[in-house]
Amino acid sequence: MKWLLDTHVVIWFAADPGRLRREVVDAIQAPGAQVLFSVASWWERAIKHSIGRLQGSLPPEQLRSWWLGHPTVRELAIEAAHV
């Protein structure tokens, strides 16, 4: 199954999965799961990090590298057709 993750799920899954319902964690980790996130999530994450709203979590570039290190994870670009 494909999962398009919200920015908060991207952050919490990596930093504090206990903040997510068990069903969400299980779905992301399920065999055959395809995890997707938008480039917009990194943009939102970078903005929040720069204004000090996400203290205690990984810096944006480390979080992105952590996620993209998993073979089932794909990043979705934003294109003009999406607007």
PDB file of N, CA and C in Angstrom:
ATOM      1  N   MET A   1       0.834  -1.166   0.000  1.00  0.00           N
ATOM      2  CA  MET A   1       0.000   0.000   0.000  1.00  0.00           C
ATOM      3  C   MET A   1       0.888   1.241   0.000  1.00  0.00           C
ATOM      4  N   LYS A   2       0.406   2.317  -0.635  1.00  0.00           N
ATOM      5  CA  LYS A   2       1.142   3.581  -0.670  1.00  0.00           C
ATOM      6  C   LYS A   2       0.630   4.493   0.434  1.00  0.00           C
ATOM      7  N   TRP A   3       1.570   5.193   1.083  1.00  0.00           N
ATOM      8  CA  TRP A   3       1.239   6.146   2.140  1.00  0.00           C
ATOM      9  C   TRP A   3       1.903   7.473   1.843  1.00  0.00           C
ATOM     10  N   LEU A   4       1.116   8.527   1.736  1.00  0.00           N
ATOM     11  CA  LEU A   4       1.640   9.877   1.589  1.00  0.00           C
ATOM     12  C   LEU A   4       1.634  10.495   2.977  1.00  0.00           C
ATOM     13  N   LEU A   5       2.815  10.749   3.513  1.00  0.00           N
ATOM     14  CA  LEU A   5       2.931  11.189   4.895  1.00  0.00           C
ATOM     15  C   LEU A   5       2.830  12.703   5.039  1.00  0.00           C
ATOM     16  N   ASP A   6       2.119  13.111   6.048  1.00  0.00           N
ATOM     17  CA  ASP A   6       2.040  14.497   6.471  1.00  0.00           C
ATOM     18  C   ASP A   6       3.376  14.875   7.111  1.00  0.00           C
ATOM     19  N   THR A   7       3.681  16.164   7.114  1.00  0.00           N
ATOM     20  CA  THR A   7       4.933  16.641   7.690  1.00  0.00           C
ATOM     21  C   THR A   7       5.113  16.188   9.138  1.00  0.00           C
ATOM     22  N   HIS A   8       4.069  16.262   9.929  1.00  0.00           N
ATOM     23  CA  HIS A   8       4.191  15.865  11.340  1.00  0.00           C
ATOM     24  C   HIS A   8       4.490  14.375  11.486  1.00  0.00           C
ATOM     25  N   VAL A   9       3.905  13.559  10.637  1.00  0.00           N
ATOM     26  CA  VAL A   9       4.195  12.123  10.691  1.00  0.00           C
ATOM     27  C   VAL A   9       5.656  11.877  10.312  1.00  0.00           C
ATOM     28  N   VAL A  10       6.150  12.589   9.312  1.00  0.00           N
ATOM     29  CA  VAL A  10       7.556  12.467   8.908  1.00  0.00           C
ATOM     30  C   VAL A  10       8.474  12.756  10.095  1.00  0.00           C
ATOM     31  N   ILE A  11       8.166  13.820  10.830  1.00  0.00           N
ATOM     32  CA  ILE A  11       8.995  14.227  11.970  1.00  0.00           C
ATOM     33  C   ILE A  11       8.844  13.250  13.130  1.00  0.00           C
ATOM     34  N   TRP A  12       7.614  12.971  13.515  1.00  0.00           N
ATOM     35  CA  TRP A  12       7.371  12.141  14.697  1.00  0.00           C
ATOM     36  C   TRP A  12       7.819  10.701  14.512  1.00  0.00           C
ATOM     37  N   PHE A  13       7.640  10.139  13.318  1.00  0.00           N
ATOM     38  CA  PHE A  13       8.051   8.760  13.103  1.00  0.00           C
ATOM     39  C   PHE A  13       9.549   8.602  13.355  1.00  0.00           C
ATOM     40  N   ALA A  14      10.331   9.578  12.922  1.00  0.00           N
ATOM     41  CA  ALA A  14      11.786   9.507  13.091  1.00  0.00           C
ATOM     42  C   ALA A  14      12.226   9.846  14.507  1.00  0.00           C
ATOM     43  N   ALA A  15      11.556  10.821  15.134  1.00  0.00           N
ATOM     44  CA  ALA A  15      12.023  11.336  16.423  1.00  0.00           C
ATOM     45  C   ALA A  15      11.326  10.717  17.621  1.00  0.00           C
ATOM     46  N   ASP A  16      10.023  10.464  17.511  1.00  0.00           N
ATOM     47  CA  ASP A  16       9.245  10.007  18.660  1.00  0.00           C
ATOM     48  C   ASP A  16       8.021   9.235  18.179  1.00  0.00           C
ATOM     49  N   PRO A  17       8.221   8.004  17.658  1.00  0.00           N
ATOM     50  CA  PRO A  17       7.096   7.258  17.095  1.00  0.00           C
ATOM     51  C   PRO A  17       5.976   6.979  18.102  1.00  0.00           C
ATOM     52  N   GLY A  18       6.250   7.121  19.382  1.00  0.00           N
ATOM     53  CA  GLY A  18       5.216   6.941  20.401  1.00  0.00           C
ATOM     54  C   GLY A  18       4.109   7.984  20.314  1.00  0.00           C
ATOM     55  N   ARG A  19       4.358   9.076  19.599  1.00  0.00           N
ATOM     56  CA  ARG A  19       3.332  10.112  19.408  1.00  0.00           C
ATOM     57  C   ARG A  19       2.304   9.696  18.359  1.00  0.00           C
ATOM     58  N   LEU A  20       2.615   8.650  17.601  1.00  0.00           N
ATOM     59  CA  LEU A  20       1.716   8.176  16.554  1.00  0.00           C
ATOM     60  C   LEU A  20       0.934   6.960  17.025  1.00  0.00           C
ATOM     61  N   ARG A  21      -0.258   6.800  16.471  1.00  0.00           N
ATOM     62  CA  ARG A  21      -1.024   5.582  16.786  1.00  0.00           C
ATOM     63  C   ARG A  21      -0.262   4.370  16.272  1.00  0.00           C
ATOM     64  N   ARG A  22      -0.372   3.287  16.981  1.00  0.00           N
ATOM     65  CA  ARG A  22       0.335   2.050  16.626  1.00  0.00           C
ATOM     66  C   ARG A  22       0.005   1.621  15.191  1.00  0.00           C
ATOM     67  N   GLU A  23      -1.246   1.829  14.775  1.00  0.00           N
ATOM     68  CA  GLU A  23      -1.678   1.443  13.431  1.00  0.00           C
ATOM     69  C   GLU A  23      -0.895   2.201  12.358  1.00  0.00           C
ATOM     70  N   VAL A  24      -0.559   3.460  12.649  1.00  0.00           N
ATOM     71  CA  VAL A  24       0.197   4.275  11.699  1.00  0.00           C
ATOM     72  C   VAL A  24       1.622   3.739  11.577  1.00  0.00           C
ATOM     73  N   VAL A  25       2.248   3.487  12.702  1.00  0.00           N
ATOM     74  CA  VAL A  25       3.617   2.951  12.698  1.00  0.00           C
ATOM     75  C   VAL A  25       3.647   1.599  11.985  1.00  0.00           C
ATOM     76  N   ASP A  26       2.692   0.730  12.293  1.00  0.00           N
ATOM     77  CA  ASP A  26       2.635  -0.587  11.654  1.00  0.00           C
ATOM     78  C   ASP A  26       2.439  -0.465  10.142  1.00  0.00           C
ATOM     79  N   ALA A  27       1.589   0.460   9.704  1.00  0.00           N
ATOM     80  CA  ALA A  27       1.329   0.627   8.272  1.00  0.00           C
ATOM     81  C   ALA A  27       2.579   1.090   7.540  1.00  0.00           C
ATOM     82  N   ILE A  28       3.305   2.020   8.135  1.00  0.00           N
ATOM     83  CA  ILE A  28       4.533   2.535   7.505  1.00  0.00           C
ATOM     84  C   ILE A  28       5.596   1.444   7.423  1.00  0.00           C
ATOM     85  N   GLN A  29       5.645   0.584   8.434  1.00  0.00           N
ATOM     86  CA  GLN A  29       6.663  -0.466   8.496  1.00  0.00           C
ATOM     87  C   GLN A  29       6.242  -1.771   7.829  1.00  0.00           C
ATOM     88  N   ALA A  30       5.017  -1.852   7.353  1.00  0.00           N
ATOM     89  CA  ALA A  30       4.508  -3.098   6.783  1.00  0.00           C
ATOM     90  C   ALA A  30       5.304  -3.511   5.545  1.00  0.00           C
ATOM     91  N   PRO A  31       5.503  -4.822   5.401  1.00  0.00           N
ATOM     92  CA  PRO A  31       6.171  -5.296   4.188  1.00  0.00           C
ATOM     93  C   PRO A  31       5.382  -4.833   2.961  1.00  0.00           C
ATOM     94  N   GLY A  32       6.077  -4.315   1.987  1.00  0.00           N
ATOM     95  CA  GLY A  32       5.421  -3.866   0.765  1.00  0.00           C
ATOM     96  C   GLY A  32       4.888  -2.442   0.820  1.00  0.00           C
ATOM     97  N   ALA A  33       4.973  -1.802   1.966  1.00  0.00           N
ATOM     98  CA  ALA A  33       4.503  -0.416   2.068  1.00  0.00           C
ATOM     99  C   ALA A  33       5.407   0.489   1.236  1.00  0.00           C
ATOM    100  N   GLN A  34       4.796   1.437   0.552  1.00  0.00           N
ATOM    101  CA  GLN A  34       5.545   2.451  -0.181  1.00  0.00           C
ATOM    102  C   GLN A  34       5.268   3.784   0.502  1.00  0.00           C
ATOM    103  N   VAL A  35       6.301   4.399   1.016  1.00  0.00           N
ATOM    104  CA  VAL A  35       6.159   5.634   1.775  1.00  0.00           C
ATOM    105  C   VAL A  35       6.556   6.805   0.886  1.00  0.00           C
ATOM    106  N   LEU A  36       5.651   7.774   0.792  1.00  0.00           N
ATOM    107  CA  LEU A  36       5.862   8.951  -0.034  1.00  0.00           C
ATOM    108  C   LEU A  36       5.737  10.192   0.823  1.00  0.00           C
ATOM    109  N   PHE A  37       6.503  11.209   0.481  1.00  0.00           N
ATOM    110  CA  PHE A  37       6.315  12.507   1.109  1.00  0.00           C
ATOM    111  C   PHE A  37       6.639  13.570   0.092  1.00  0.00           C
ATOM    112  N   SER A  38       6.023  14.722   0.268  1.00  0.00           N
ATOM    113  CA  SER A  38       6.191  15.829  -0.651  1.00  0.00           C
ATOM    114  C   SER A  38       7.410  16.667  -0.286  1.00  0.00           C
ATOM    115  N   VAL A  39       8.031  17.234  -1.297  1.00  0.00           N
ATOM    116  CA  VAL A  39       9.107  18.186  -1.072  1.00  0.00           C
ATOM    117  C   VAL A  39       8.593  19.324  -0.196  1.00  0.00           C
ATOM    118  N   ALA A  40       7.300  19.607  -0.266  1.00  0.00           N
ATOM    119  CA  ALA A  40       6.703  20.658   0.568  1.00  0.00           C
ATOM    120  C   ALA A  40       6.902  20.364   2.059  1.00  0.00           C
ATOM    121  N   SER A  41       6.964  19.090   2.418  1.00  0.00           N
ATOM    122  CA  SER A  41       7.222  18.741   3.823  1.00  0.00           C
ATOM    123  C   SER A  41       8.587  19.225   4.266  1.00  0.00           C
ATOM    124  N   TRP A  42       9.596  19.145   3.394  1.00  0.00           N
ATOM    125  CA  TRP A  42      10.937  19.617   3.760  1.00  0.00           C
ATOM    126  C   TRP A  42      10.959  21.134   3.851  1.00  0.00           C
ATOM    127  N   TRP A  43      10.210  21.773   2.988  1.00  0.00           N
ATOM    128  CA  TRP A  43      10.119  23.219   3.014  1.00  0.00           C
ATOM    129  C   TRP A  43       9.477  23.668   4.321  1.00  0.00           C
ATOM    130  N   GLU A  44       8.349  23.054   4.654  1.00  0.00           N
ATOM    131  CA  GLU A  44       7.669  23.371   5.916  1.00  0.00           C
ATOM    132  C   GLU A  44       8.573  23.085   7.105  1.00  0.00           C
ATOM    133  N   ARG A  45       9.258  21.978   7.075  1.00  0.00           N
ATOM    134  CA  ARG A  45      10.159  21.567   8.156  1.00  0.00           C
ATOM    135  C   ARG A  45      11.301  22.575   8.326  1.00  0.00           C
ATOM    136  N   ALA A  46      11.879  23.015   7.220  1.00  0.00           N
ATOM    137  CA  ALA A  46      12.980  23.974   7.282  1.00  0.00           C
ATOM    138  C   ALA A  46      12.520  25.306   7.867  1.00  0.00           C
ATOM    139  N   ILE A  47      11.324  25.747   7.493  1.00  0.00           N
ATOM    140  CA  ILE A  47      10.792  26.997   8.033  1.00  0.00           C
ATOM    141  C   ILE A  47      10.592  26.880   9.540  1.00  0.00           C
ATOM    142  N   LYS A  48       9.952  25.803   9.978  1.00  0.00           N
ATOM    143  CA  LYS A  48       9.702  25.617  11.418  1.00  0.00           C
ATOM    144  C   LYS A  48      11.013  25.509  12.191  1.00  0.00           C
ATOM    145  N   HIS A  49      11.979  24.813  11.620  1.00  0.00           N
ATOM    146  CA  HIS A  49      13.282  24.675  12.284  1.00  0.00           C
ATOM    147  C   HIS A  49      13.964  26.041  12.410  1.00  0.00           C
ATOM    148  N   SER A  50      13.900  26.851  11.348  1.00  0.00           N
ATOM    149  CA  SER A  50      14.589  28.141  11.351  1.00  0.00           C
ATOM    150  C   SER A  50      14.000  29.131  12.354  1.00  0.00           C
ATOM    151  N   ILE A  51      12.728  28.974  12.706  1.00  0.00           N
ATOM    152  CA  ILE A  51      12.116  29.874  13.689  1.00  0.00           C
ATOM    153  C   ILE A  51      12.059  29.251  15.084  1.00  0.00           C
ATOM    154  N   GLY A  52      12.738  28.094  15.250  1.00  0.00           N
ATOM    155  CA  GLY A  52      12.849  27.479  16.564  1.00  0.00           C
ATOM    156  C   GLY A  52      11.632  26.716  17.040  1.00  0.00           C
ATOM    157  N   ARG A  53      10.749  26.310  16.137  1.00  0.00           N
ATOM    158  CA  ARG A  53       9.533  25.614  16.524  1.00  0.00           C
ATOM    159  C   ARG A  53       9.702  24.100  16.638  1.00  0.00           C
ATOM    160  N   LEU A  54      10.859  23.578  16.280  1.00  0.00           N
ATOM    161  CA  LEU A  54      11.049  22.128  16.328  1.00  0.00           C
ATOM    162  C   LEU A  54      12.328  21.756  17.065  1.00  0.00           C
ATOM    163  N   GLN A  55      12.514  22.304  18.207  1.00  0.00           N
ATOM    164  CA  GLN A  55      13.702  22.005  18.987  1.00  0.00           C
ATOM    165  C   GLN A  55      13.660  20.553  19.445  1.00  0.00           C
ATOM    166  N   GLY A  56      14.826  19.936  19.452  1.00  0.00           N
ATOM    167  CA  GLY A  56      14.932  18.560  19.916  1.00  0.00           C
ATOM    168  C   GLY A  56      14.776  17.518  18.825  1.00  0.00           C
ATOM    169  N   SER A  57      14.445  17.928  17.613  1.00  0.00           N
ATOM    170  CA  SER A  57      14.360  16.968  16.522  1.00  0.00           C
ATOM    171  C   SER A  57      15.555  17.164  15.597  1.00  0.00           C
ATOM    172  N   LEU A  58      15.734  16.232  14.702  1.00  0.00           N
ATOM    173  CA  LEU A  58      16.872  16.307  13.785  1.00  0.00           C
ATOM    174  C   LEU A  58      16.785  17.545  12.905  1.00  0.00           C
ATOM    175  N   PRO A  59      17.929  18.136  12.554  1.00  0.00           N
ATOM    176  CA  PRO A  59      17.912  19.229  11.581  1.00  0.00           C
ATOM    177  C   PRO A  59      17.316  18.723  10.261  1.00  0.00           C
ATOM    178  N   PRO A  60      16.721  19.611   9.466  1.00  0.00           N
ATOM    179  CA  PRO A  60      16.020  19.180   8.251  1.00  0.00           C
ATOM    180  C   PRO A  60      16.840  18.288   7.323  1.00  0.00           C
ATOM    181  N   GLU A  61      18.094  18.635   7.080  1.00  0.00           N
ATOM    182  CA  GLU A  61      18.887  17.840   6.143  1.00  0.00           C
ATOM    183  C   GLU A  61      19.178  16.438   6.687  1.00  0.00           C
ATOM    184  N   GLN A  62      19.332  16.287   7.989  1.00  0.00           N
ATOM    185  CA  GLN A  62      19.560  14.963   8.587  1.00  0.00           C
ATOM    186  C   GLN A  62      18.291  14.133   8.561  1.00  0.00           C
ATOM    187  N   LEU A  63      17.159  14.764   8.825  1.00  0.00           N
ATOM    188  CA  LEU A  63      15.888  14.043   8.789  1.00  0.00           C
ATOM    189  C   LEU A  63      15.603  13.545   7.377  1.00  0.00           C
ATOM    190  N   ARG A  64      15.834  14.396   6.395  1.00  0.00           N
ATOM    191  CA  ARG A  64      15.619  13.999   4.991  1.00  0.00           C
ATOM    192  C   ARG A  64      16.530  12.825   4.626  1.00  0.00           C
ATOM    193  N   SER A  65      17.789  12.893   4.994  1.00  0.00           N
ATOM    194  CA  SER A  65      18.724  11.795   4.712  1.00  0.00           C
ATOM    195  C   SER A  65      18.295  10.514   5.398  1.00  0.00           C
ATOM    196  N   TRP A  66      17.812  10.627   6.631  1.00  0.00           N
ATOM    197  CA  TRP A  66      17.354   9.455   7.375  1.00  0.00           C
ATOM    198  C   TRP A  66      16.223   8.768   6.623  1.00  0.00           C
ATOM    199  N   TRP A  67      15.232   9.549   6.205  1.00  0.00           N
ATOM    200  CA  TRP A  67      14.097   8.979   5.475  1.00  0.00           C
ATOM    201  C   TRP A  67      14.517   8.389   4.140  1.00  0.00           C
ATOM    202  N   LEU A  68      15.308   9.125   3.376  1.00  0.00           N
ATOM    203  CA  LEU A  68      15.684   8.652   2.044  1.00  0.00           C
ATOM    204  C   LEU A  68      16.658   7.489   2.082  1.00  0.00           C
ATOM    205  N   GLY A  69      17.171   7.169   3.253  1.00  0.00           N
ATOM    206  CA  GLY A  69      18.017   5.990   3.418  1.00  0.00           C
ATOM    207  C   GLY A  69      17.237   4.686   3.432  1.00  0.00           C
ATOM    208  N   HIS A  70      15.917   4.770   3.478  1.00  0.00           N
ATOM    209  CA  HIS A  70      15.069   3.582   3.471  1.00  0.00           C
ATOM    210  C   HIS A  70      14.632   3.279   2.036  1.00  0.00           C
ATOM    211  N   PRO A  71      14.784   2.040   1.592  1.00  0.00           N
ATOM    212  CA  PRO A  71      14.499   1.721   0.184  1.00  0.00           C
ATOM    213  C   PRO A  71      13.026   1.864  -0.214  1.00  0.00           C
ATOM    214  N   THR A  72      12.111   1.896   0.729  1.00  0.00           N
ATOM    215  CA  THR A  72      10.688   1.984   0.392  1.00  0.00           C
ATOM    216  C   THR A  72      10.174   3.422   0.392  1.00  0.00           C
ATOM    217  N   VAL A  73      11.066   4.388   0.573  1.00  0.00           N
ATOM    218  CA  VAL A  73      10.671   5.796   0.693  1.00  0.00           C
ATOM    219  C   VAL A  73      10.997   6.552  -0.592  1.00  0.00           C
ATOM    220  N   ARG A  74      10.019   7.350  -1.040  1.00  0.00           N
ATOM    221  CA  ARG A  74      10.218   8.191  -2.226  1.00  0.00           C
ATOM    222  C   ARG A  74       9.769   9.605  -1.937  1.00  0.00           C
ATOM    223  N   GLU A  75      10.471  10.535  -2.511  1.00  0.00           N
ATOM    224  CA  GLU A  75      10.171  11.951  -2.376  1.00  0.00           C
ATOM    225  C   GLU A  75       9.416  12.402  -3.635  1.00  0.00           C
ATOM    226  N   LEU A  76       8.331  13.146  -3.432  1.00  0.00           N
ATOM    227  CA  LEU A  76       7.544  13.647  -4.555  1.00  0.00           C
ATOM    228  C   LEU A  76       7.860  15.115  -4.801  1.00  0.00           C
ATOM    229  N   ALA A  77       8.178  15.430  -6.026  1.00  0.00           N
ATOM    230  CA  ALA A  77       8.488  16.813  -6.394  1.00  0.00           C
ATOM    231  C   ALA A  77       7.197  17.618  -6.531  1.00  0.00           C
ATOM    232  N   ILE A  78       7.343  18.913  -6.428  1.00  0.00           N
ATOM    233  CA  ILE A  78       6.241  19.816  -6.710  1.00  0.00           C
ATOM    234  C   ILE A  78       6.460  20.363  -8.109  1.00  0.00           C
ATOM    235  N   GLU A  79       5.444  20.233  -8.927  1.00  0.00           N
ATOM    236  CA  GLU A  79       5.514  20.735 -10.284  1.00  0.00           C
ATOM    237  C   GLU A  79       4.402  21.745 -10.521  1.00  0.00           C
ATOM    238  N   ALA A  80       4.557  22.568 -11.536  1.00  0.00           N
ATOM    239  CA  ALA A  80       3.563  23.596 -11.828  1.00  0.00           C
ATOM    240  C   ALA A  80       2.170  22.983 -12.037  1.00  0.00           C
ATOM    241  N   ALA A  81       2.084  21.806 -12.587  1.00  0.00           N
ATOM    242  CA  ALA A  81       0.791  21.150 -12.823  1.00  0.00           C
ATOM    243  C   ALA A  81       0.062  20.832 -11.516  1.00  0.00           C
ATOM    244  N   HIS A  82       0.778  20.754 -10.398  1.00  0.00           N
ATOM    245  CA  HIS A  82       0.156  20.457  -9.109  1.00  0.00           C
ATOM    246  C   HIS A  82      -0.535  21.669  -8.500  1.00  0.00           C
ATOM    247  N   VAL A  83      -0.193  22.850  -8.988  1.00  0.00           N
ATOM    248  CA  VAL A  83      -0.708  24.075  -8.376  1.00  0.00           C
ATOM    249  C   VAL A  83      -2.133  24.353  -8.767  1.00  0.00           C
TER     250      VAL A  83
END
